[in-house]
Amino acid sequence: MTALVDAIVTLGMLVTVALGLRLVPGPEPGLVHRLRPPLALPGAASPWLPRGPLATALASAHALAAFALALHAPARLRRTRSLAPAELAVLTALVSPAVAGVALVAERAGRELLGLLEILALTVPHFHFAGFAAALVAGLVCRSAGGPADRFAAVSVPAGTLLVVAGYFTGDWLELAGTVVLTAGMWAVALLTWRDVRKGRAERLIRKLFGVSAAVLVATMLLALSRALGEATGLPHPDLTWMAATHGLGNALGFTLCSLAWRRLKETTA
């Protein structure tokens, strides 16, 4: 499982965030976007090394880039003066890599964070894909229409992400509650992507990418829900190895494809 999680983390650092930053509605974090890759590269190498000073130093480089991105959030808020659902989702996306960065540094140093160590390895991909990618996509979906379901998705994805991580540290029932909220938001994103965003797109590639991302969300979030329910109640549920190979990998590739689709859509409508 470790190698697969490390691969997913690397994909999140080098591909998903890089693609996602190109989709952030203006004002864009331009300078941060240009400076981030040189710092993200050593960070992406850190999960593949044994815990220790070198891995910690490389992870710290990524954390610095992530914090620089997070500092764009209050600057953006001062300019936009908006906490509308779509904007709230974008702000969540900007801050989330910094949370992943802190978790990665602590995990690579072998230091407990709030009493936990091993779970930090899962917190890193969670905040790259649920915290960053899913929140950003929810915000883009909300901006595309702005109806009640869109606003629900834009609010529930960030809220569910935070609740799930709080459940890591406090207990299985809060994690289950967070997973329910996050699943509802992600399924709303999938439905809206399939029904509204995908509909009427002339380019076949865009339609296919949006279709794949919507289908992936339905399956992967059902797996997340089954695991959280099993953890809280003792019912049979997928183990972490199976979750990494299905839920983790599916969301990683699905959201990478979704980001590609939004990028292509932006180019064709520019």
Foldseek 3Di string as FASTA:
>chain_A
DLVLLLVLLLLLLQFLVLLLQVLQPPPGPVVLSVPQPVLSVLLSCLSVDAQDDSSLVSLVSNLVSLVVQLVVLVVVCVVVVDPQLLNVLQNQQSNLQNVLSVLSNCQSNVHDDLNDHPCSSVSNSLSSQLRHLQSNLLSVLCVVPVDPLSSLLSPLSNQLSVQLVVCVNVHLVSNLVSLVSNLSSLLSSLVSLLPPVLPPDPDPLLNVLSPLLSVLSNVLSVLVNQQSVCRRPVDDHDDPVVNSVRNSVSSSVSSSSVSVSSVVVVVVVD
